[in-house]
């Protein structure tokens, strides 16, 4: 049976990661073009979004690691019971990793680009680039997908893992070859 404590902790971590990603998207750096000593430069607003994006990334990573440690990443431990639960566990395991990687890439790209563009200024004419508006939003959406899929994976993994004891045959079955 799936541990309710694990499910609650994973849900809380994913909820925090989602909230931080949404906050990072709302706190995107804005810029104004300033002139100093006859040269134009980009003046960006404060950059809290980088920290929020990295925090979101770390909470999502902690959530994923918790699920994988508890389920032993599905590759270690005893074999899963054959059946529908095992099939769903495998499909959800793969889907969980795909959505996790996409979410992490969005959050990492948004945080790295945000930090880079906030610290630079350029010559005439200035090229004031900021993070695309939906990058952290996309990361937040994939955090939700990852949370749902990882919890479903854990539930199906637990169903397939419960009470399955592989049989040990001590001899070679040759009965049908007489």
Protein backbone atom coordinates (compact mmCIF):
# COMPACT_ATOMS: atom_id res chain seq x y z
CA UNK A 1 0.00 0.00 0.00
CA UNK A 2 1.26 3.47 -0.87
CA UNK A 3 2.41 5.54 2.09
CA UNK A 4 0.12 8.49 2.70
CA UNK A 5 2.98 10.38 4.34
CA UNK A 6 5.10 10.11 1.18
CA UNK A 7 2.18 11.25 -0.96
CA UNK A 8 1.52 14.26 1.28
CA UNK A 9 5.19 15.29 1.42
CA UNK A 10 5.53 14.99 -2.37
CA UNK A 11 2.33 17.01 -2.83
CA UNK A 12 3.61 19.77 -0.52
CA UNK A 13 7.00 19.90 -2.28
CA UNK A 14 5.29 20.10 -5.68
CA UNK A 15 2.90 22.78 -4.42
CA UNK A 16 5.82 24.89 -3.15
CA UNK A 17 7.70 24.37 -6.43
CA UNK A 18 4.61 25.44 -8.38
CA UNK A 19 4.10 28.56 -6.25
CA UNK A 20 7.75 29.56 -6.62
CA UNK A 21 7.63 29.07 -10.40
CA UNK A 22 4.49 31.20 -10.70
CA UNK A 23 6.07 33.89 -8.51
CA UNK A 24 9.22 33.82 -10.67
CA UNK A 25 7.09 34.33 -13.76
CA UNK A 26 5.36 37.30 -12.14
CA UNK A 27 8.64 38.86 -11.03
CA UNK A 28 10.34 38.86 -14.40
CA UNK A 29 12.89 41.64 -14.77
CA UNK A 30 11.69 44.67 -16.67
CA UNK A 31 14.05 47.11 -18.30
CA UNK A 32 14.39 50.74 -19.20
CA UNK A 33 16.91 52.22 -21.58
CA UNK A 34 19.16 54.74 -19.90
CA UNK A 35 21.84 57.07 -21.22
CA UNK A 36 25.12 57.53 -19.39
CA UNK A 37 28.13 59.38 -20.81
CA UNK A 38 26.51 59.43 -24.22
CA UNK A 39 26.02 55.66 -24.33
CA UNK A 40 22.72 53.84 -24.07
CA UNK A 41 22.44 50.95 -21.67
CA UNK A 42 19.80 48.59 -20.35
CA UNK A 43 18.75 49.14 -16.76
CA UNK A 44 16.93 46.09 -15.40
CA UNK A 45 14.70 45.98 -12.34
CA UNK A 46 15.73 43.86 -9.37
CA UNK A 47 16.14 40.18 -10.04
CA UNK A 48 14.35 38.05 -7.47
CA UNK A 49 13.03 35.70 -10.17
CA UNK A 50 16.37 33.89 -10.43
CA UNK A 51 16.22 32.88 -6.77
CA UNK A 52 12.56 31.90 -7.04
CA UNK A 53 13.25 29.81 -10.14
CA UNK A 54 16.17 28.03 -8.50
CA UNK A 55 14.09 27.40 -5.37
CA UNK A 56 11.32 25.93 -7.50
CA UNK A 57 13.85 23.76 -9.30
CA UNK A 58 15.23 22.45 -5.99
CA UNK A 59 11.81 21.65 -4.51
CA UNK A 60 10.82 19.77 -7.66
CA UNK A 61 14.13 17.88 -7.55
CA UNK A 62 13.54 16.97 -3.88
CA UNK A 63 10.05 15.71 -4.74
CA UNK A 64 11.34 13.56 -7.60
CA UNK A 65 14.21 12.19 -5.53
CA UNK A 66 11.85 11.27 -2.69
CA UNK A 67 9.57 9.31 -5.02
CA UNK A 68 12.52 7.56 -6.68
CA UNK A 69 14.20 6.66 -3.36
CA UNK A 70 10.98 5.30 -1.88
CA UNK A 71 10.22 3.25 -5.01
CA UNK A 72 13.90 2.35 -5.44
CA UNK A 73 13.71 3.88 -8.92
CA UNK A 74 11.75 0.80 -9.98
CA UNK A 75 14.96 -0.93 -11.07
CA UNK A 76 16.26 -2.09 -7.70
CA UNK A 77 14.56 -4.44 -5.33
CA UNK A 78 12.27 -7.32 -5.99
CA UNK A 79 10.28 -7.87 -9.16
CA UNK A 80 6.86 -6.32 -9.57
CA UNK A 81 3.73 -8.44 -9.74
CA UNK A 82 2.69 -8.98 -13.38
CA UNK A 83 -0.51 -7.27 -14.37
CA UNK A 84 -2.13 -3.97 -15.12
CA UNK A 85 -0.56 -2.19 -12.14
CA UNK A 86 2.95 -3.06 -13.35
CA UNK A 87 2.19 -1.82 -16.88
CA UNK A 88 0.81 1.45 -15.53
CA UNK A 89 3.78 1.81 -13.18
CA UNK A 90 6.21 1.47 -16.10
CA UNK A 91 4.30 3.91 -18.33
CA UNK A 92 3.93 6.44 -15.51
CA UNK A 93 7.61 6.04 -14.54
CA UNK A 94 8.71 7.03 -18.05
CA UNK A 95 6.15 9.85 -18.26
CA UNK A 96 7.20 11.11 -14.84
CA UNK A 97 10.83 11.43 -15.91
CA UNK A 98 9.94 13.12 -19.21
CA UNK A 99 7.74 15.76 -17.55
CA UNK A 100 10.31 16.23 -14.79
CA UNK A 101 13.11 16.88 -17.28
CA UNK A 102 11.00 19.35 -19.26
CA UNK A 103 10.03 21.24 -16.07
CA UNK A 104 13.64 21.36 -14.87
CA UNK A 105 14.88 22.60 -18.26
CA UNK A 106 12.28 25.39 -18.29
CA UNK A 107 13.11 26.47 -14.75
CA UNK A 108 16.86 26.24 -15.28
CA UNK A 109 16.73 28.12 -18.58
CA UNK A 110 14.53 30.83 -17.10
CA UNK A 111 16.73 31.25 -14.04
CA UNK A 112 20.00 31.24 -15.97
CA UNK A 113 18.77 33.61 -18.66
CA UNK A 114 17.24 35.88 -16.05
CA UNK A 115 20.53 36.11 -14.15
CA UNK A 116 22.53 36.69 -17.33
CA UNK A 117 20.38 39.46 -18.77
CA UNK A 118 19.93 41.25 -15.48
CA UNK A 119 23.65 41.67 -15.00
CA UNK A 120 24.62 42.87 -18.49
CA UNK A 121 24.47 46.14 -20.29
CA UNK A 122 25.29 46.65 -23.95
CA UNK A 123 26.61 49.26 -26.34
CA UNK A 124 24.67 51.33 -28.88
CA UNK A 125 22.02 50.30 -29.72
CA UNK A 126 21.31 48.28 -26.59
CA UNK A 127 19.85 44.81 -26.92
CA UNK A 128 17.67 44.52 -23.86
CA UNK A 129 16.52 40.93 -23.74
CA UNK A 130 14.46 39.39 -21.00
CA UNK A 131 13.07 35.95 -20.35
CA UNK A 132 10.06 35.08 -22.49
CA UNK A 133 6.86 35.64 -20.61
CA UNK A 134 5.70 32.02 -20.58
CA UNK A 135 8.94 30.22 -19.71
CA UNK A 136 8.35 30.03 -15.96
CA UNK A 137 4.64 29.42 -16.64
CA UNK A 138 5.54 26.43 -18.80
CA UNK A 139 7.79 25.17 -16.03
CA UNK A 140 4.94 25.60 -13.54
CA UNK A 141 2.55 23.65 -15.79
CA UNK A 142 5.03 20.80 -16.09
CA UNK A 143 5.51 20.85 -12.31
CA UNK A 144 1.78 20.13 -12.00
CA UNK A 145 2.03 17.32 -14.60
CA UNK A 146 5.08 15.88 -12.87
CA UNK A 147 3.35 15.98 -9.48
CA UNK A 148 0.25 14.19 -10.72
CA UNK A 149 2.15 11.58 -12.72
CA UNK A 150 4.75 10.89 -10.00
CA UNK A 151 2.07 10.33 -7.36
CA UNK A 152 0.12 8.04 -9.69
CA UNK A 153 3.36 6.20 -10.47
CA UNK A 154 4.00 5.67 -6.76
CA UNK A 155 0.46 4.37 -6.18
CA UNK A 156 0.62 1.91 -9.09
CA UNK A 157 4.15 0.89 -8.15
CA UNK A 158 2.94 0.14 -4.62
CA UNK A 159 0.02 -1.92 -5.95
CA UNK A 160 2.33 -3.93 -8.20
CA UNK A 161 4.91 -4.34 -5.43
CA UNK A 162 2.53 -5.54 -2.70
CA UNK A 163 2.60 -9.21 -1.78
CA UNK A 164 4.47 -10.47 -4.82
CA UNK A 165 6.90 -13.24 -4.06
CA UNK A 166 8.60 -14.75 -7.09
CA UNK A 167 8.55 -18.55 -6.97
CA UNK A 168 11.82 -20.35 -6.61
CA UNK A 169 12.09 -23.46 -8.71
CA UNK A 170 15.02 -25.61 -7.64
CA UNK A 171 15.05 -27.82 -10.71
CA UNK A 172 14.62 -27.67 -14.43
CA UNK A 173 11.07 -28.33 -15.51
CA UNK A 174 11.32 -31.02 -18.20
CA UNK A 175 7.90 -32.62 -17.73
CA UNK A 176 6.56 -31.56 -21.13
CA UNK A 177 9.55 -32.95 -23.06
CA UNK A 178 9.14 -36.70 -22.37
